[in-house]
Amino acid sequence: MQMKILQQIGNPLVLYMSNLDWSYILTFIIIAYAINTLWKKQKKNNSKKKSRKRYRTALIGILYAIVLYFIRGYNFLKIETLFQSFVFAIAFHKFIIEGIMQYIIKTFFPPNTRPGSKKNYYERHHNPPRP
């Protein structure tokens, strides 16, 4: 009985996952990460414009999907696959990858020793060396 329920739940999930465009998902995550990192570095130097990371990421994904649609010569029905892949990539990146990274940071770095911690910075630069 339990196996039947698991198969009823698992089969559509496996079918959905296998129909996604994984090359789009992985390259989109890498491209969005690179652009957002460069944007952050450039913003530190000089920038009066503010743009939210989520809107910028969504715009990157949509533009990248349009480019892939024309480059790969997809038919009209493949738009749904690209859209599902876009939604999955946003959710996968936001909830799973960032969640795992936050968990790793909280688990392996105590609050005062995390990279960028103010206390850690203060201790490194303002305490005199001990004899």
C-alpha atoms as a PDB file:
ATOM      1  CA  MET A   1       0.000   0.000   0.000  1.00  0.00           C
ATOM      2  CA  GLN A   2       2.742   2.459   0.926  1.00  0.00           C
ATOM      3  CA  MET A   3       4.756   1.597  -2.156  1.00  0.00           C
ATOM      4  CA  LYS A   4       1.764   2.380  -4.364  1.00  0.00           C
ATOM      5  CA  ILE A   5       1.392   5.805  -2.754  1.00  0.00           C
ATOM      6  CA  LEU A   6       5.094   6.528  -3.207  1.00  0.00           C
ATOM      7  CA  GLN A   7       4.880   5.520  -6.859  1.00  0.00           C
ATOM      8  CA  GLN A   8       1.843   7.756  -7.388  1.00  0.00           C
ATOM      9  CA  ILE A   9       3.734  10.686  -5.903  1.00  0.00           C
ATOM     10  CA  GLY A  10       7.148   9.886  -7.349  1.00  0.00           C
ATOM     11  CA  ASN A  11       6.271   9.097 -10.952  1.00  0.00           C
ATOM     12  CA  PRO A  12       4.907  12.559 -11.856  1.00  0.00           C
ATOM     13  CA  LEU A  13       7.779  14.191  -9.996  1.00  0.00           C
ATOM     14  CA  VAL A  14      10.385  12.173 -11.887  1.00  0.00           C
ATOM     15  CA  LEU A  15       8.605  12.890 -15.175  1.00  0.00           C
ATOM     16  CA  TYR A  16       8.544  16.626 -14.381  1.00  0.00           C
ATOM     17  CA  MET A  17      12.237  16.665 -13.437  1.00  0.00           C
ATOM     18  CA  SER A  18      13.270  14.747 -16.552  1.00  0.00           C
ATOM     19  CA  ASN A  19      11.394  17.156 -18.841  1.00  0.00           C
ATOM     20  CA  LEU A  20      13.241  20.233 -17.561  1.00  0.00           C
ATOM     21  CA  ASP A  21      16.019  21.816 -19.607  1.00  0.00           C
ATOM     22  CA  TRP A  22      18.920  21.163 -17.236  1.00  0.00           C
ATOM     23  CA  SER A  23      21.530  22.831 -19.408  1.00  0.00           C
ATOM     24  CA  TYR A  24      19.458  26.036 -19.241  1.00  0.00           C
ATOM     25  CA  ILE A  25      19.015  25.714 -15.466  1.00  0.00           C
ATOM     26  CA  LEU A  26      22.695  25.210 -14.672  1.00  0.00           C
ATOM     27  CA  THR A  27      24.009  27.841 -17.081  1.00  0.00           C
ATOM     28  CA  PHE A  28      21.363  30.329 -15.931  1.00  0.00           C
ATOM     29  CA  ILE A  29      22.400  29.889 -12.286  1.00  0.00           C
ATOM     30  CA  ILE A  30      26.072  30.362 -13.189  1.00  0.00           C
ATOM     31  CA  ILE A  31      25.414  33.412 -15.384  1.00  0.00           C
ATOM     32  CA  ALA A  32      23.120  35.031 -12.807  1.00  0.00           C
ATOM     33  CA  TYR A  33      25.652  34.432 -10.037  1.00  0.00           C
ATOM     34  CA  ALA A  34      28.457  35.936 -12.130  1.00  0.00           C
ATOM     35  CA  ILE A  35      26.453  39.008 -13.133  1.00  0.00           C
ATOM     36  CA  ASN A  36      25.195  39.598  -9.592  1.00  0.00           C
ATOM     37  CA  THR A  37      28.740  39.266  -8.213  1.00  0.00           C
ATOM     38  CA  LEU A  38      30.119  41.700 -10.792  1.00  0.00           C
ATOM     39  CA  TRP A  39      27.223  44.071 -10.129  1.00  0.00           C
ATOM     40  CA  LYS A  40      27.971  43.984  -6.412  1.00  0.00           C
ATOM     41  CA  LYS A  41      31.674  44.718  -6.985  1.00  0.00           C
ATOM     42  CA  GLN A  42      30.856  47.548  -9.378  1.00  0.00           C
ATOM     43  CA  LYS A  43      28.277  48.953  -6.959  1.00  0.00           C
ATOM     44  CA  LYS A  44      30.949  49.212  -4.257  1.00  0.00           C
ATOM     45  CA  ASN A  45      33.097  51.324  -6.558  1.00  0.00           C
ATOM     46  CA  ASN A  46      30.458  53.783  -7.741  1.00  0.00           C
ATOM     47  CA  SER A  47      26.796  53.432  -8.288  1.00  0.00           C
ATOM     48  CA  LYS A  48      23.810  55.528  -7.453  1.00  0.00           C
ATOM     49  CA  LYS A  49      21.417  53.135  -9.142  1.00  0.00           C
ATOM     50  CA  LYS A  50      19.729  50.534  -7.047  1.00  0.00           C
ATOM     51  CA  SER A  51      18.283  47.393  -8.487  1.00  0.00           C
ATOM     52  CA  ARG A  52      17.010  44.491  -6.542  1.00  0.00           C
ATOM     53  CA  LYS A  53      18.838  41.235  -6.975  1.00  0.00           C
ATOM     54  CA  ARG A  54      15.664  39.217  -7.526  1.00  0.00           C
ATOM     55  CA  TYR A  55      14.419  41.463 -10.341  1.00  0.00           C
ATOM     56  CA  ARG A  56      17.843  41.488 -11.977  1.00  0.00           C
ATOM     57  CA  THR A  57      18.026  37.680 -11.729  1.00  0.00           C
ATOM     58  CA  ALA A  58      14.535  37.289 -13.188  1.00  0.00           C
ATOM     59  CA  LEU A  59      15.391  39.623 -16.060  1.00  0.00           C
ATOM     60  CA  ILE A  60      18.594  37.682 -16.757  1.00  0.00           C
ATOM     61  CA  GLY A  61      16.656  34.400 -16.821  1.00  0.00           C
ATOM     62  CA  ILE A  62      13.982  35.699 -19.165  1.00  0.00           C
ATOM     63  CA  LEU A  63      16.473  37.264 -21.567  1.00  0.00           C
ATOM     64  CA  TYR A  64      18.622  34.127 -21.512  1.00  0.00           C
ATOM     65  CA  ALA A  65      15.561  31.951 -22.236  1.00  0.00           C
ATOM     66  CA  ILE A  66      14.630  34.152 -25.211  1.00  0.00           C
ATOM     67  CA  VAL A  67      18.169  33.927 -26.586  1.00  0.00           C
ATOM     68  CA  LEU A  68      18.200  30.137 -26.190  1.00  0.00           C
ATOM     69  CA  TYR A  69      14.797  29.860 -27.847  1.00  0.00           C
ATOM     70  CA  PHE A  70      16.146  31.442 -31.020  1.00  0.00           C
ATOM     71  CA  ILE A  71      19.643  29.916 -30.930  1.00  0.00           C
ATOM     72  CA  ARG A  72      18.448  26.355 -30.408  1.00  0.00           C
ATOM     73  CA  GLY A  73      15.557  26.726 -32.848  1.00  0.00           C
ATOM     74  CA  TYR A  74      12.902  25.498 -30.445  1.00  0.00           C
ATOM     75  CA  ASN A  75       9.345  25.111 -31.626  1.00  0.00           C
ATOM     76  CA  PHE A  76       6.525  27.005 -29.939  1.00  0.00           C
ATOM     77  CA  LEU A  77       5.698  24.117 -27.564  1.00  0.00           C
ATOM     78  CA  LYS A  78       9.213  24.222 -26.081  1.00  0.00           C
ATOM     79  CA  ILE A  79       8.454  27.624 -24.510  1.00  0.00           C
ATOM     80  CA  GLU A  80       6.594  25.836 -21.717  1.00  0.00           C
ATOM     81  CA  THR A  81       9.668  23.732 -20.951  1.00  0.00           C
ATOM     82  CA  LEU A  82      11.860  26.842 -20.830  1.00  0.00           C
ATOM     83  CA  PHE A  83       9.366  28.613 -18.566  1.00  0.00           C
ATOM     84  CA  GLN A  84       9.145  25.621 -16.210  1.00  0.00           C
ATOM     85  CA  SER A  85      12.937  25.415 -16.183  1.00  0.00           C
ATOM     86  CA  PHE A  86      13.142  29.138 -15.377  1.00  0.00           C
ATOM     87  CA  VAL A  87      10.723  28.826 -12.461  1.00  0.00           C
ATOM     88  CA  PHE A  88      12.489  25.724 -11.186  1.00  0.00           C
ATOM     89  CA  ALA A  89      15.904  27.407 -11.462  1.00  0.00           C
ATOM     90  CA  ILE A  90      14.725  30.426  -9.473  1.00  0.00           C
ATOM     91  CA  ALA A  91      13.236  28.222  -6.753  1.00  0.00           C
ATOM     92  CA  PHE A  92      16.153  25.775  -6.780  1.00  0.00           C
ATOM     93  CA  HIS A  93      18.697  28.542  -6.456  1.00  0.00           C
ATOM     94  CA  LYS A  94      16.818  30.627  -3.912  1.00  0.00           C
ATOM     95  CA  PHE A  95      15.496  27.994  -1.567  1.00  0.00           C
ATOM     96  CA  ILE A  96      17.812  25.024  -1.893  1.00  0.00           C
ATOM     97  CA  ILE A  97      21.272  26.369  -2.728  1.00  0.00           C
ATOM     98  CA  GLU A  98      21.082  29.513  -0.585  1.00  0.00           C
ATOM     99  CA  GLY A  99      19.480  27.516   2.232  1.00  0.00           C
ATOM    100  CA  ILE A 100      22.275  24.959   2.181  1.00  0.00           C
ATOM    101  CA  MET A 101      24.907  27.706   2.133  1.00  0.00           C
ATOM    102  CA  GLN A 102      23.289  29.473   5.104  1.00  0.00           C
ATOM    103  CA  TYR A 103      23.180  26.188   7.011  1.00  0.00           C
ATOM    104  CA  ILE A 104      26.857  25.496   6.284  1.00  0.00           C
ATOM    105  CA  ILE A 105      27.881  28.996   7.365  1.00  0.00           C
ATOM    106  CA  LYS A 106      25.874  28.805  10.591  1.00  0.00           C
ATOM    107  CA  THR A 107      27.118  25.304  11.381  1.00  0.00           C
ATOM    108  CA  PHE A 108      30.828  25.636  10.663  1.00  0.00           C
ATOM    109  CA  PHE A 109      31.445  29.309  11.450  1.00  0.00           C
ATOM    110  CA  PRO A 110      30.426  30.592  14.898  1.00  0.00           C
ATOM    111  CA  PRO A 111      28.920  34.120  14.746  1.00  0.00           C
ATOM    112  CA  ASN A 112      32.101  35.969  15.763  1.00  0.00           C
ATOM    113  CA  THR A 113      34.423  34.122  13.381  1.00  0.00           C
ATOM    114  CA  ARG A 114      32.355  34.331  10.185  1.00  0.00           C
ATOM    115  CA  PRO A 115      34.000  36.030   7.240  1.00  0.00           C
ATOM    116  CA  GLY A 116      33.088  39.700   7.343  1.00  0.00           C
ATOM    117  CA  SER A 117      32.226  39.649  11.045  1.00  0.00           C
ATOM    118  CA  LYS A 118      32.713  43.070  12.687  1.00  0.00           C
ATOM    119  CA  LYS A 119      34.099  41.556  15.857  1.00  0.00           C
ATOM    120  CA  ASN A 120      36.544  39.468  13.888  1.00  0.00           C
ATOM    121  CA  TYR A 121      37.581  42.574  11.929  1.00  0.00           C
ATOM    122  CA  TYR A 122      38.020  44.612  15.092  1.00  0.00           C
ATOM    123  CA  GLU A 123      40.101  41.932  16.785  1.00  0.00           C
ATOM    124  CA  ARG A 124      42.347  41.579  13.745  1.00  0.00           C
ATOM    125  CA  HIS A 125      43.016  45.283  13.295  1.00  0.00           C
ATOM    126  CA  HIS A 126      42.702  46.951  16.694  1.00  0.00           C
ATOM    127  CA  ASN A 127      44.209  44.664  19.290  1.00  0.00           C
ATOM    128  CA  PRO A 128      47.882  45.212  19.955  1.00  0.00           C
ATOM    129  CA  PRO A 129      50.122  42.216  19.372  1.00  0.00           C
ATOM    130  CA  ARG A 130      50.806  40.143  22.445  1.00  0.00           C
ATOM    131  CA  PRO A 131      54.441  39.789  23.587  1.00  0.00           C
END
